[in-house]
C-alpha atoms as a PDB file:
ATOM      1  CA  UNK A   1      47.290 -48.617   5.612  1.00  0.00           C
ATOM      2  CA  UNK A   2      43.824 -49.817   4.621  1.00  0.00           C
ATOM      3  CA  UNK A   3      41.806 -50.629   1.522  1.00  0.00           C
ATOM      4  CA  UNK A   4      38.591 -49.411   3.155  1.00  0.00           C
ATOM      5  CA  UNK A   5      37.501 -46.056   1.690  1.00  0.00           C
ATOM      6  CA  UNK A   6      35.740 -44.896   4.882  1.00  0.00           C
ATOM      7  CA  UNK A   7      38.831 -45.497   7.000  1.00  0.00           C
ATOM      8  CA  UNK A   8      41.052 -43.842   4.415  1.00  0.00           C
ATOM      9  CA  UNK A   9      38.878 -40.718   4.548  1.00  0.00           C
ATOM     10  CA  UNK A  10      38.895 -40.753   8.355  1.00  0.00           C
ATOM     11  CA  UNK A  11      42.688 -41.006   8.212  1.00  0.00           C
ATOM     12  CA  UNK A  12      42.728 -37.678   6.359  1.00  0.00           C
ATOM     13  CA  UNK A  13      42.845 -38.846   2.735  1.00  0.00           C
ATOM     14  CA  UNK A  14      40.802 -37.064   0.068  1.00  0.00           C
ATOM     15  CA  UNK A  15      39.309 -40.201  -1.506  1.00  0.00           C
ATOM     16  CA  UNK A  16      37.622 -39.658  -4.882  1.00  0.00           C
ATOM     17  CA  UNK A  17      34.875 -40.425  -5.481  1.00  0.00           C
ATOM     18  CA  UNK A  18      34.087 -40.167  -1.788  1.00  0.00           C
ATOM     19  CA  UNK A  19      32.834 -43.183   0.136  1.00  0.00           C
ATOM     20  CA  UNK A  20      29.125 -43.197   0.965  1.00  0.00           C
ATOM     21  CA  UNK A  21      26.795 -44.482   3.653  1.00  0.00           C
ATOM     22  CA  UNK A  22      23.548 -43.049   5.014  1.00  0.00           C
ATOM     23  CA  UNK A  23      22.358 -42.483   8.557  1.00  0.00           C
ATOM     24  CA  UNK A  24      19.420 -44.825   9.293  1.00  0.00           C
ATOM     25  CA  UNK A  25      20.243 -46.736   6.104  1.00  0.00           C
ATOM     26  CA  UNK A  26      19.000 -49.906   7.825  1.00  0.00           C
ATOM     27  CA  UNK A  27      15.325 -49.664   8.628  1.00  0.00           C
ATOM     28  CA  UNK A  28      11.778 -48.733   7.774  1.00  0.00           C
ATOM     29  CA  UNK A  29      12.123 -47.625   4.142  1.00  0.00           C
ATOM     30  CA  UNK A  30      13.335 -51.067   3.045  1.00  0.00           C
ATOM     31  CA  UNK A  31      10.706 -53.706   2.219  1.00  0.00           C
ATOM     32  CA  UNK A  32      13.015 -56.437   3.527  1.00  0.00           C
ATOM     33  CA  UNK A  33      13.046 -54.684   6.905  1.00  0.00           C
ATOM     34  CA  UNK A  34       9.299 -54.234   6.958  1.00  0.00           C
ATOM     35  CA  UNK A  35       8.971 -57.977   6.366  1.00  0.00           C
ATOM     36  CA  UNK A  36      10.499 -58.646   9.798  1.00  0.00           C
ATOM     37  CA  UNK A  37       9.383 -55.462  11.602  1.00  0.00           C
ATOM     38  CA  UNK A  38       6.687 -57.266  13.589  1.00  0.00           C
ATOM     39  CA  UNK A  39       9.160 -59.727  15.089  1.00  0.00           C
ATOM     40  CA  UNK A  40       8.903 -58.555  18.704  1.00  0.00           C
ATOM     41  CA  UNK A  41       9.147 -54.959  19.886  1.00  0.00           C
ATOM     42  CA  UNK A  42      11.941 -52.605  18.854  1.00  0.00           C
ATOM     43  CA  UNK A  43      14.231 -53.368  21.794  1.00  0.00           C
ATOM     44  CA  UNK A  44      13.797 -57.075  21.104  1.00  0.00           C
ATOM     45  CA  UNK A  45      14.881 -56.526  17.496  1.00  0.00           C
ATOM     46  CA  UNK A  46      17.925 -54.546  18.663  1.00  0.00           C
ATOM     47  CA  UNK A  47      18.936 -57.215  21.192  1.00  0.00           C
ATOM     48  CA  UNK A  48      18.330 -60.334  19.100  1.00  0.00           C
ATOM     49  CA  UNK A  49      21.609 -60.914  17.219  1.00  0.00           C
ATOM     50  CA  UNK A  50      20.023 -62.881  14.354  1.00  0.00           C
ATOM     51  CA  UNK A  51      17.548 -60.065  13.627  1.00  0.00           C
ATOM     52  CA  UNK A  52      19.901 -57.136  14.250  1.00  0.00           C
ATOM     53  CA  UNK A  53      22.592 -58.691  12.080  1.00  0.00           C
ATOM     54  CA  UNK A  54      20.142 -59.250   9.238  1.00  0.00           C
ATOM     55  CA  UNK A  55      18.850 -55.675   9.398  1.00  0.00           C
ATOM     56  CA  UNK A  56      22.366 -54.206   9.559  1.00  0.00           C
ATOM     57  CA  UNK A  57      23.398 -56.143   6.448  1.00  0.00           C
ATOM     58  CA  UNK A  58      20.295 -55.430   4.335  1.00  0.00           C
ATOM     59  CA  UNK A  59      21.469 -52.084   2.872  1.00  0.00           C
ATOM     60  CA  UNK A  60      24.933 -53.512   2.281  1.00  0.00           C
ATOM     61  CA  UNK A  61      23.501 -56.305   0.154  1.00  0.00           C
ATOM     62  CA  UNK A  62      21.098 -54.013  -1.685  1.00  0.00           C
ATOM     63  CA  UNK A  63      23.265 -50.928  -2.297  1.00  0.00           C
ATOM     64  CA  UNK A  64      26.883 -51.885  -1.576  1.00  0.00           C
ATOM     65  CA  UNK A  65      27.416 -49.067   0.917  1.00  0.00           C
ATOM     66  CA  UNK A  66      30.965 -48.366   2.071  1.00  0.00           C
ATOM     67  CA  UNK A  67      29.959 -48.702   5.720  1.00  0.00           C
ATOM     68  CA  UNK A  68      27.491 -50.650   7.797  1.00  0.00           C
ATOM     69  CA  UNK A  69      26.041 -48.861  10.815  1.00  0.00           C
ATOM     70  CA  UNK A  70      25.066 -51.145  13.670  1.00  0.00           C
ATOM     71  CA  UNK A  71      21.291 -51.585  13.883  1.00  0.00           C
ATOM     72  CA  UNK A  72      20.537 -50.385  17.392  1.00  0.00           C
ATOM     73  CA  UNK A  73      19.365 -47.196  19.109  1.00  0.00           C
ATOM     74  CA  UNK A  74      20.834 -44.420  21.227  1.00  0.00           C
ATOM     75  CA  UNK A  75      18.416 -45.328  24.051  1.00  0.00           C
ATOM     76  CA  UNK A  76      19.789 -48.844  24.473  1.00  0.00           C
ATOM     77  CA  UNK A  77      22.315 -47.364  26.915  1.00  0.00           C
ATOM     78  CA  UNK A  78      19.784 -45.842  29.392  1.00  0.00           C
ATOM     79  CA  UNK A  79      17.723 -49.020  29.037  1.00  0.00           C
ATOM     80  CA  UNK A  80      20.813 -51.041  29.938  1.00  0.00           C
ATOM     81  CA  UNK A  81      21.388 -48.805  32.976  1.00  0.00           C
ATOM     82  CA  UNK A  82      17.950 -49.658  34.324  1.00  0.00           C
ATOM     83  CA  UNK A  83      15.719 -46.858  33.070  1.00  0.00           C
ATOM     84  CA  UNK A  84      12.253 -47.901  31.915  1.00  0.00           C
ATOM     85  CA  UNK A  85      12.419 -47.415  28.120  1.00  0.00           C
ATOM     86  CA  UNK A  86       9.665 -48.400  25.719  1.00  0.00           C
ATOM     87  CA  UNK A  87       9.069 -47.688  22.042  1.00  0.00           C
ATOM     88  CA  UNK A  88       5.437 -46.991  21.175  1.00  0.00           C
ATOM     89  CA  UNK A  89       4.417 -47.544  17.542  1.00  0.00           C
ATOM     90  CA  UNK A  90       3.601 -44.222  15.911  1.00  0.00           C
ATOM     91  CA  UNK A  91       4.691 -42.230  18.965  1.00  0.00           C
ATOM     92  CA  UNK A  92       8.376 -42.899  19.510  1.00  0.00           C
ATOM     93  CA  UNK A  93      10.222 -43.578  22.749  1.00  0.00           C
ATOM     94  CA  UNK A  94       8.633 -43.328  26.183  1.00  0.00           C
ATOM     95  CA  UNK A  95      10.845 -43.279  29.276  1.00  0.00           C
ATOM     96  CA  UNK A  96      10.330 -42.928  33.017  1.00  0.00           C
ATOM     97  CA  UNK A  97      11.759 -39.395  33.492  1.00  0.00           C
ATOM     98  CA  UNK A  98      14.959 -38.904  35.478  1.00  0.00           C
ATOM     99  CA  UNK A  99      14.371 -35.601  37.276  1.00  0.00           C
ATOM    100  CA  UNK A 100      15.448 -36.132  40.869  1.00  0.00           C
ATOM    101  CA  UNK A 101      18.106 -37.741  43.033  1.00  0.00           C
ATOM    102  CA  UNK A 102      16.166 -40.960  43.523  1.00  0.00           C
ATOM    103  CA  UNK A 103      15.700 -41.565  39.803  1.00  0.00           C
ATOM    104  CA  UNK A 104      19.346 -40.810  39.088  1.00  0.00           C
ATOM    105  CA  UNK A 105      20.570 -43.061  41.911  1.00  0.00           C
ATOM    106  CA  UNK A 106      18.527 -45.943  40.498  1.00  0.00           C
ATOM    107  CA  UNK A 107      20.686 -45.975  37.349  1.00  0.00           C
ATOM    108  CA  UNK A 108      23.769 -48.180  37.320  1.00  0.00           C
ATOM    109  CA  UNK A 109      26.612 -48.948  34.958  1.00  0.00           C
ATOM    110  CA  UNK A 110      26.899 -52.426  36.460  1.00  0.00           C
ATOM    111  CA  UNK A 111      24.090 -53.844  34.333  1.00  0.00           C
ATOM    112  CA  UNK A 112      25.352 -52.513  30.993  1.00  0.00           C
ATOM    113  CA  UNK A 113      27.685 -55.390  30.113  1.00  0.00           C
ATOM    114  CA  UNK A 114      25.042 -58.060  30.679  1.00  0.00           C
ATOM    115  CA  UNK A 115      22.182 -56.264  28.919  1.00  0.00           C
ATOM    116  CA  UNK A 116      24.229 -55.169  25.894  1.00  0.00           C
ATOM    117  CA  UNK A 117      25.914 -58.562  25.395  1.00  0.00           C
ATOM    118  CA  UNK A 118      23.504 -59.424  22.536  1.00  0.00           C
ATOM    119  CA  UNK A 119      24.375 -56.130  20.813  1.00  0.00           C
ATOM    120  CA  UNK A 120      28.059 -56.969  20.991  1.00  0.00           C
ATOM    121  CA  UNK A 121      27.320 -60.392  19.544  1.00  0.00           C
ATOM    122  CA  UNK A 122      25.631 -58.594  16.636  1.00  0.00           C
ATOM    123  CA  UNK A 123      28.804 -56.541  16.143  1.00  0.00           C
ATOM    124  CA  UNK A 124      30.867 -59.728  15.931  1.00  0.00           C
ATOM    125  CA  UNK A 125      28.474 -61.353  13.468  1.00  0.00           C
ATOM    126  CA  UNK A 126      28.222 -58.300  11.226  1.00  0.00           C
ATOM    127  CA  UNK A 127      31.976 -57.799  11.139  1.00  0.00           C
ATOM    128  CA  UNK A 128      32.461 -61.409  10.062  1.00  0.00           C
ATOM    129  CA  UNK A 129      29.851 -61.106   7.303  1.00  0.00           C
ATOM    130  CA  UNK A 130      30.858 -57.769   5.745  1.00  0.00           C
ATOM    131  CA  UNK A 131      32.599 -57.487   2.367  1.00  0.00           C
ATOM    132  CA  UNK A 132      36.341 -56.750   2.716  1.00  0.00           C
ATOM    133  CA  UNK A 133      36.082 -53.056   1.735  1.00  0.00           C
ATOM    134  CA  UNK A 134      33.114 -52.261   3.982  1.00  0.00           C
ATOM    135  CA  UNK A 135      33.667 -50.583   7.362  1.00  0.00           C
ATOM    136  CA  UNK A 136      31.608 -51.409  10.454  1.00  0.00           C
ATOM    137  CA  UNK A 137      30.588 -48.323  12.449  1.00  0.00           C
ATOM    138  CA  UNK A 138      29.478 -48.584  16.074  1.00  0.00           C
ATOM    139  CA  UNK A 139      27.807 -45.721  17.909  1.00  0.00           C
ATOM    140  CA  UNK A 140      26.260 -44.151  20.958  1.00  0.00           C
ATOM    141  CA  UNK A 141      24.093 -41.134  21.463  1.00  0.00           C
ATOM    142  CA  UNK A 142      26.198 -38.319  22.887  1.00  0.00           C
ATOM    143  CA  UNK A 143      25.574 -37.609  26.579  1.00  0.00           C
ATOM    144  CA  UNK A 144      23.537 -34.425  26.097  1.00  0.00           C
ATOM    145  CA  UNK A 145      21.162 -35.925  23.540  1.00  0.00           C
ATOM    146  CA  UNK A 146      20.657 -39.088  25.585  1.00  0.00           C
ATOM    147  CA  UNK A 147      20.071 -36.947  28.674  1.00  0.00           C
ATOM    148  CA  UNK A 148      17.393 -35.036  26.748  1.00  0.00           C
ATOM    149  CA  UNK A 149      15.301 -38.183  26.369  1.00  0.00           C
ATOM    150  CA  UNK A 150      16.089 -39.466  29.846  1.00  0.00           C
ATOM    151  CA  UNK A 151      15.002 -36.265  31.601  1.00  0.00           C
ATOM    152  CA  UNK A 152      12.135 -35.361  29.295  1.00  0.00           C
ATOM    153  CA  UNK A 153      10.664 -38.848  29.227  1.00  0.00           C
ATOM    154  CA  UNK A 154      10.450 -38.934  25.433  1.00  0.00           C
ATOM    155  CA  UNK A 155      10.735 -36.685  22.421  1.00  0.00           C
ATOM    156  CA  UNK A 156      10.112 -32.936  22.540  1.00  0.00           C
ATOM    157  CA  UNK A 157      10.315 -29.792  20.433  1.00  0.00           C
ATOM    158  CA  UNK A 158      12.540 -27.941  22.887  1.00  0.00           C
ATOM    159  CA  UNK A 159      13.424 -30.352  25.736  1.00  0.00           C
ATOM    160  CA  UNK A 160      12.548 -27.652  28.246  1.00  0.00           C
ATOM    161  CA  UNK A 161      12.743 -29.947  31.290  1.00  0.00           C
ATOM    162  CA  UNK A 162      16.251 -31.034  30.322  1.00  0.00           C
ATOM    163  CA  UNK A 163      17.570 -27.559  29.665  1.00  0.00           C
ATOM    164  CA  UNK A 164      15.829 -26.302  32.775  1.00  0.00           C
ATOM    165  CA  UNK A 165      17.566 -28.939  34.903  1.00  0.00           C
ATOM    166  CA  UNK A 166      20.934 -27.949  33.423  1.00  0.00           C
ATOM    167  CA  UNK A 167      20.362 -24.358  34.571  1.00  0.00           C
ATOM    168  CA  UNK A 168      18.456 -24.856  37.835  1.00  0.00           C
ATOM    169  CA  UNK A 169      20.040 -28.090  39.097  1.00  0.00           C
ATOM    170  CA  UNK A 170      23.565 -28.043  37.643  1.00  0.00           C
ATOM    171  CA  UNK A 171      24.968 -30.501  40.180  1.00  0.00           C
ATOM    172  CA  UNK A 172      22.282 -33.106  39.492  1.00  0.00           C
ATOM    173  CA  UNK A 173      22.489 -32.626  35.743  1.00  0.00           C
ATOM    174  CA  UNK A 174      26.286 -32.733  35.910  1.00  0.00           C
ATOM    175  CA  UNK A 175      26.154 -36.097  37.657  1.00  0.00           C
ATOM    176  CA  UNK A 176      23.853 -37.459  34.953  1.00  0.00           C
ATOM    177  CA  UNK A 177      26.174 -36.174  32.238  1.00  0.00           C
ATOM    178  CA  UNK A 178      29.220 -37.674  33.968  1.00  0.00           C
ATOM    179  CA  UNK A 179      27.463 -41.033  34.274  1.00  0.00           C
ATOM    180  CA  UNK A 180      26.529 -40.983  30.597  1.00  0.00           C
ATOM    181  CA  UNK A 181      30.023 -39.948  29.531  1.00  0.00           C
ATOM    182  CA  UNK A 182      31.630 -42.798  31.478  1.00  0.00           C
ATOM    183  CA  UNK A 183      29.040 -45.311  30.268  1.00  0.00           C
ATOM    184  CA  UNK A 184      29.483 -44.156  26.662  1.00  0.00           C
ATOM    185  CA  UNK A 185      33.235 -44.710  26.846  1.00  0.00           C
ATOM    186  CA  UNK A 186      32.766 -48.215  28.239  1.00  0.00           C
ATOM    187  CA  UNK A 187      30.075 -49.144  25.725  1.00  0.00           C
ATOM    188  CA  UNK A 188      32.005 -47.841  22.723  1.00  0.00           C
ATOM    189  CA  UNK A 189      35.127 -49.624  23.923  1.00  0.00           C
ATOM    190  CA  UNK A 190      33.140 -52.864  24.109  1.00  0.00           C
ATOM    191  CA  UNK A 191      31.846 -52.320  20.574  1.00  0.00           C
ATOM    192  CA  UNK A 192      35.390 -51.750  19.323  1.00  0.00           C
ATOM    193  CA  UNK A 193      36.643 -54.879  21.069  1.00  0.00           C
ATOM    194  CA  UNK A 194      33.787 -56.803  19.422  1.00  0.00           C
ATOM    195  CA  UNK A 195      34.778 -55.585  15.948  1.00  0.00           C
ATOM    196  CA  UNK A 196      33.632 -51.997  15.290  1.00  0.00           C
ATOM    197  CA  UNK A 197      36.241 -50.295  13.109  1.00  0.00           C
ATOM    198  CA  UNK A 198      35.019 -46.735  13.675  1.00  0.00           C
ATOM    199  CA  UNK A 199      32.534 -45.229  16.115  1.00  0.00           C
ATOM    200  CA  UNK A 200      30.155 -42.297  15.961  1.00  0.00           C
ATOM    201  CA  UNK A 201      28.708 -39.892  18.526  1.00  0.00           C
ATOM    202  CA  UNK A 202      25.171 -38.788  17.660  1.00  0.00           C
ATOM    203  CA  UNK A 203      24.364 -35.446  19.331  1.00  0.00           C
ATOM    204  CA  UNK A 204      21.033 -34.825  17.660  1.00  0.00           C
ATOM    205  CA  UNK A 205      19.959 -31.980  19.959  1.00  0.00           C
ATOM    206  CA  UNK A 206      23.291 -30.175  20.339  1.00  0.00           C
ATOM    207  CA  UNK A 207      21.962 -27.135  18.498  1.00  0.00           C
ATOM    208  CA  UNK A 208      19.409 -26.371  21.222  1.00  0.00           C
ATOM    209  CA  UNK A 209      22.146 -24.934  23.428  1.00  0.00           C
ATOM    210  CA  UNK A 210      23.667 -21.425  23.571  1.00  0.00           C
ATOM    211  CA  UNK A 211      27.454 -21.184  23.097  1.00  0.00           C
ATOM    212  CA  UNK A 212      28.564 -21.553  26.721  1.00  0.00           C
ATOM    213  CA  UNK A 213      26.252 -24.501  27.335  1.00  0.00           C
ATOM    214  CA  UNK A 214      27.251 -26.054  24.008  1.00  0.00           C
ATOM    215  CA  UNK A 215      30.858 -26.109  25.189  1.00  0.00           C
ATOM    216  CA  UNK A 216      29.929 -27.543  28.589  1.00  0.00           C
ATOM    217  CA  UNK A 217      27.412 -30.175  27.534  1.00  0.00           C
ATOM    218  CA  UNK A 218      28.437 -31.043  23.951  1.00  0.00           C
ATOM    219  CA  UNK A 219      32.105 -30.254  23.329  1.00  0.00           C
ATOM    220  CA  UNK A 220      33.552 -31.226  26.706  1.00  0.00           C
ATOM    221  CA  UNK A 221      31.896 -34.672  26.990  1.00  0.00           C
ATOM    222  CA  UNK A 222      32.826 -35.468  23.388  1.00  0.00           C
ATOM    223  CA  UNK A 223      36.416 -34.469  24.121  1.00  0.00           C
ATOM    224  CA  UNK A 224      36.514 -36.789  27.130  1.00  0.00           C
ATOM    225  CA  UNK A 225      35.117 -39.674  25.080  1.00  0.00           C
ATOM    226  CA  UNK A 226      37.537 -39.139  22.188  1.00  0.00           C
ATOM    227  CA  UNK A 227      40.550 -38.834  24.489  1.00  0.00           C
ATOM    228  CA  UNK A 228      39.641 -41.986  26.417  1.00  0.00           C
ATOM    229  CA  UNK A 229      39.101 -44.022  23.236  1.00  0.00           C
ATOM    230  CA  UNK A 230      42.287 -42.686  21.635  1.00  0.00           C
ATOM    231  CA  UNK A 231      44.306 -43.858  24.623  1.00  0.00           C
ATOM    232  CA  UNK A 232      42.934 -47.398  24.330  1.00  0.00           C
ATOM    233  CA  UNK A 233      42.346 -47.660  20.578  1.00  0.00           C
ATOM    234  CA  UNK A 234      44.586 -45.136  18.791  1.00  0.00           C
ATOM    235  CA  UNK A 235      43.829 -46.601  15.356  1.00  0.00           C
ATOM    236  CA  UNK A 236      40.021 -46.488  15.663  1.00  0.00           C
ATOM    237  CA  UNK A 237      38.579 -43.205  14.335  1.00  0.00           C
ATOM    238  CA  UNK A 238      35.718 -41.308  15.958  1.00  0.00           C
ATOM    239  CA  UNK A 239      33.042 -39.352  14.061  1.00  0.00           C
ATOM    240  CA  UNK A 240      31.124 -36.627  15.876  1.00  0.00           C
ATOM    241  CA  UNK A 241      27.718 -35.379  14.740  1.00  0.00           C
ATOM    242  CA  UNK A 242      26.756 -32.207  16.641  1.00  0.00           C
ATOM    243  CA  UNK A 243      23.506 -31.661  14.753  1.00  0.00           C
ATOM    244  CA  UNK A 244      22.438 -28.032  14.278  1.00  0.00           C
ATOM    245  CA  UNK A 245      25.836 -26.841  15.499  1.00  0.00           C
ATOM    246  CA  UNK A 246      26.096 -24.502  12.508  1.00  0.00           C
ATOM    247  CA  UNK A 247      29.099 -22.211  12.853  1.00  0.00           C
ATOM    248  CA  UNK A 248      30.386 -24.235  15.826  1.00  0.00           C
ATOM    249  CA  UNK A 249      31.053 -27.362  13.750  1.00  0.00           C
ATOM    250  CA  UNK A 250      34.618 -26.336  12.992  1.00  0.00           C
ATOM    251  CA  UNK A 251      35.368 -25.422  16.602  1.00  0.00           C
ATOM    252  CA  UNK A 252      33.793 -28.680  17.774  1.00  0.00           C
ATOM    253  CA  UNK A 253      35.991 -30.673  15.381  1.00  0.00           C
ATOM    254  CA  UNK A 254      39.134 -28.835  16.469  1.00  0.00           C
ATOM    255  CA  UNK A 255      38.521 -29.022  20.229  1.00  0.00           C
ATOM    256  CA  UNK A 256      37.212 -32.565  20.486  1.00  0.00           C
ATOM    257  CA  UNK A 257      39.845 -34.224  18.318  1.00  0.00           C
ATOM    258  CA  UNK A 258      37.316 -36.211  16.276  1.00  0.00           C
ATOM    259  CA  UNK A 259      38.538 -37.746  13.022  1.00  0.00           C
ATOM    260  CA  UNK A 260      35.305 -36.864  11.210  1.00  0.00           C
ATOM    261  CA  UNK A 261      32.500 -34.385  11.783  1.00  0.00           C
ATOM    262  CA  UNK A 262      28.966 -34.797  10.463  1.00  0.00           C
ATOM    263  CA  UNK A 263      27.139 -31.794   9.008  1.00  0.00           C
ATOM    264  CA  UNK A 264      23.397 -31.351   9.265  1.00  0.00           C
ATOM    265  CA  UNK A 265      21.373 -30.243   6.245  1.00  0.00           C
ATOM    266  CA  UNK A 266      21.395 -26.554   7.226  1.00  0.00           C
ATOM    267  CA  UNK A 267      25.185 -26.233   7.204  1.00  0.00           C
ATOM    268  CA  UNK A 268      26.831 -24.798   4.093  1.00  0.00           C
ATOM    269  CA  UNK A 269      29.426 -27.399   3.047  1.00  0.00           C
ATOM    270  CA  UNK A 270      31.564 -24.739   1.348  1.00  0.00           C
ATOM    271  CA  UNK A 271      31.863 -22.819   4.619  1.00  0.00           C
ATOM    272  CA  UNK A 272      32.477 -26.014   6.565  1.00  0.00           C
ATOM    273  CA  UNK A 273      35.258 -26.940   4.153  1.00  0.00           C
ATOM    274  CA  UNK A 274      37.253 -23.915   5.303  1.00  0.00           C
ATOM    275  CA  UNK A 275      36.296 -23.947   8.996  1.00  0.00           C
ATOM    276  CA  UNK A 276      36.810 -27.634   9.779  1.00  0.00           C
ATOM    277  CA  UNK A 277      40.504 -28.598  10.178  1.00  0.00           C
ATOM    278  CA  UNK A 278      41.787 -29.895   6.865  1.00  0.00           C
ATOM    279  CA  UNK A 279      42.785 -33.320   8.204  1.00  0.00           C
ATOM    280  CA  UNK A 280      39.281 -33.938   9.624  1.00  0.00           C
ATOM    281  CA  UNK A 281      36.861 -35.738   7.321  1.00  0.00           C
ATOM    282  CA  UNK A 282      33.562 -33.971   6.729  1.00  0.00           C
ATOM    283  CA  UNK A 283      30.539 -36.242   6.590  1.00  0.00           C
ATOM    284  CA  UNK A 284      27.270 -35.219   4.952  1.00  0.00           C
ATOM    285  CA  UNK A 285      25.064 -33.512   4.167  1.00  0.00           C
ATOM    286  CA  UNK A 286      22.375 -34.170   1.537  1.00  0.00           C
ATOM    287  CA  UNK A 287      18.839 -33.142   2.499  1.00  0.00           C
ATOM    288  CA  UNK A 288      16.813 -36.296   3.194  1.00  0.00           C
ATOM    289  CA  UNK A 289      13.889 -34.683   1.370  1.00  0.00           C
ATOM    290  CA  UNK A 290      16.025 -34.302  -1.762  1.00  0.00           C
ATOM    291  CA  UNK A 291      16.642 -38.042  -1.595  1.00  0.00           C
ATOM    292  CA  UNK A 292      12.890 -38.620  -1.527  1.00  0.00           C
ATOM    293  CA  UNK A 293      12.512 -36.351  -4.582  1.00  0.00           C
ATOM    294  CA  UNK A 294      15.285 -38.091  -6.514  1.00  0.00           C
ATOM    295  CA  UNK A 295      16.065 -37.279 -10.129  1.00  0.00           C
ATOM    296  CA  UNK A 296      17.493 -33.952 -11.277  1.00  0.00           C
ATOM    297  CA  UNK A 297      16.712 -32.148  -8.022  1.00  0.00           C
ATOM    298  CA  UNK A 298      18.672 -34.669  -6.010  1.00  0.00           C
ATOM    299  CA  UNK A 299      21.565 -34.733  -8.451  1.00  0.00           C
ATOM    300  CA  UNK A 300      21.850 -30.937  -8.311  1.00  0.00           C
ATOM    301  CA  UNK A 301      22.222 -31.094  -4.536  1.00  0.00           C
ATOM    302  CA  UNK A 302      24.737 -33.933  -4.809  1.00  0.00           C
ATOM    303  CA  UNK A 303      26.805 -31.935  -7.315  1.00  0.00           C
ATOM    304  CA  UNK A 304      26.931 -28.933  -4.994  1.00  0.00           C
ATOM    305  CA  UNK A 305      28.154 -30.992  -2.050  1.00  0.00           C
ATOM    306  CA  UNK A 306      30.766 -32.836  -4.098  1.00  0.00           C
ATOM    307  CA  UNK A 307      32.053 -29.597  -5.626  1.00  0.00           C
ATOM    308  CA  UNK A 308      32.459 -28.064  -2.175  1.00  0.00           C
ATOM    309  CA  UNK A 309      34.188 -31.148  -0.750  1.00  0.00           C
ATOM    310  CA  UNK A 310      36.497 -32.097  -3.585  1.00  0.00           C
ATOM    311  CA  UNK A 311      40.141 -32.086  -2.569  1.00  0.00           C
ATOM    312  CA  UNK A 312      39.547 -32.743   1.128  1.00  0.00           C
ATOM    313  CA  UNK A 313      38.567 -35.813   3.207  1.00  0.00           C
ATOM    314  CA  UNK A 314      34.846 -36.378   2.735  1.00  0.00           C
ATOM    315  CA  UNK A 315      32.297 -39.110   3.451  1.00  0.00           C
ATOM    316  CA  UNK A 316      29.045 -38.631   1.568  1.00  0.00           C
ATOM    317  CA  UNK A 317      25.968 -38.934   3.771  1.00  0.00           C
ATOM    318  CA  UNK A 318      22.704 -37.223   4.612  1.00  0.00           C
ATOM    319  CA  UNK A 319      22.285 -34.236   6.901  1.00  0.00           C
ATOM    320  CA  UNK A 320      20.048 -36.383   9.115  1.00  0.00           C
ATOM    321  CA  UNK A 321      18.596 -39.898   9.004  1.00  0.00           C
ATOM    322  CA  UNK A 322      16.915 -41.392   5.957  1.00  0.00           C
ATOM    323  CA  UNK A 323      13.121 -41.020   6.113  1.00  0.00           C
ATOM    324  CA  UNK A 324      10.683 -43.971   6.047  1.00  0.00           C
ATOM    325  CA  UNK A 325       8.959 -42.810   2.843  1.00  0.00           C
ATOM    326  CA  UNK A 326      12.222 -42.800   0.861  1.00  0.00           C
ATOM    327  CA  UNK A 327      12.011 -44.934  -2.321  1.00  0.00           C
ATOM    328  CA  UNK A 328      14.828 -47.507  -2.272  1.00  0.00           C
ATOM    329  CA  UNK A 329      15.375 -46.879  -5.990  1.00  0.00           C
ATOM    330  CA  UNK A 330      16.378 -43.309  -5.157  1.00  0.00           C
ATOM    331  CA  UNK A 331      19.013 -44.576  -2.748  1.00  0.00           C
ATOM    332  CA  UNK A 332      20.418 -46.794  -5.499  1.00  0.00           C
ATOM    333  CA  UNK A 333      20.364 -43.782  -7.838  1.00  0.00           C
ATOM    334  CA  UNK A 334      22.242 -41.691  -5.264  1.00  0.00           C
ATOM    335  CA  UNK A 335      24.986 -44.263  -4.770  1.00  0.00           C
ATOM    336  CA  UNK A 336      25.387 -44.690  -8.531  1.00  0.00           C
ATOM    337  CA  UNK A 337      25.543 -40.927  -9.097  1.00  0.00           C
ATOM    338  CA  UNK A 338      28.413 -40.606  -6.625  1.00  0.00           C
ATOM    339  CA  UNK A 339      30.397 -43.565  -7.890  1.00  0.00           C
ATOM    340  CA  UNK A 340      30.139 -42.596 -11.531  1.00  0.00           C
ATOM    341  CA  UNK A 341      32.379 -39.533 -10.954  1.00  0.00           C
END
């Protein structure tokens, strides 16, 4: 039993009004974040407990969200395994591509514990500072999405090098995916031991894959991660976010055993409500652009999502991360509009 609305929803309870938090709720749209943004590079901010704790707590203080999401990044894991990872202002991440045996062999799980120790210290500090009803969510990028950046060397429209490796070099790509799956389990377990009360798998690029590859590279690794965590931490729920999965969201939720499934903006919540197993919480899925617009347009979208989700476990969120140009007042308006139900 718990008093925390997020955990109640992830335990299969139809909490009303639903709990709310937003992906990327800690970050660039907040003036208090921008005030410390120039304190070192991005990785330094993620691995300095004082800074990362402050950033994680900022939206909790300002909006009273029902969950805090650890301020970090999905590329901390490849960085911790020894890949050269840099974040270039205005351009995004830049990585030394992993496209051959030598580059893959240079990666190691042995360095993860040491390099992520500051992140785990942040988890401990945030957990100690949170209000009693607020849930702390830890996370990793799912293996396929992390592999996309590792192979491509940065962002891309189609991640052609990554998908090409999966087809043309299945053994090499399979080894990378296995390494990432094992490392993700270990890293999430460490976050849970440090105080994370729920964890989330971000598979941002899952929707790039055709059905057979989706099963192989998205569903199967997620299943392995969920099963491993359930054996060690049966009371800690797992949220999966297979972005752009569309009609596969329900199958993903059923096969992986996740306790919650995130919907992207393009997924009809009414259809998801009947395709996702009834005990699985649905998270999402307001358009981030509607949040920027605010006012009546935003409230209309909120009403549609709440109408579709009422009577089943639901966590209100966006269909993707909050955008930097979002007015903080609109976020406050969103939270108030949900809680006034």
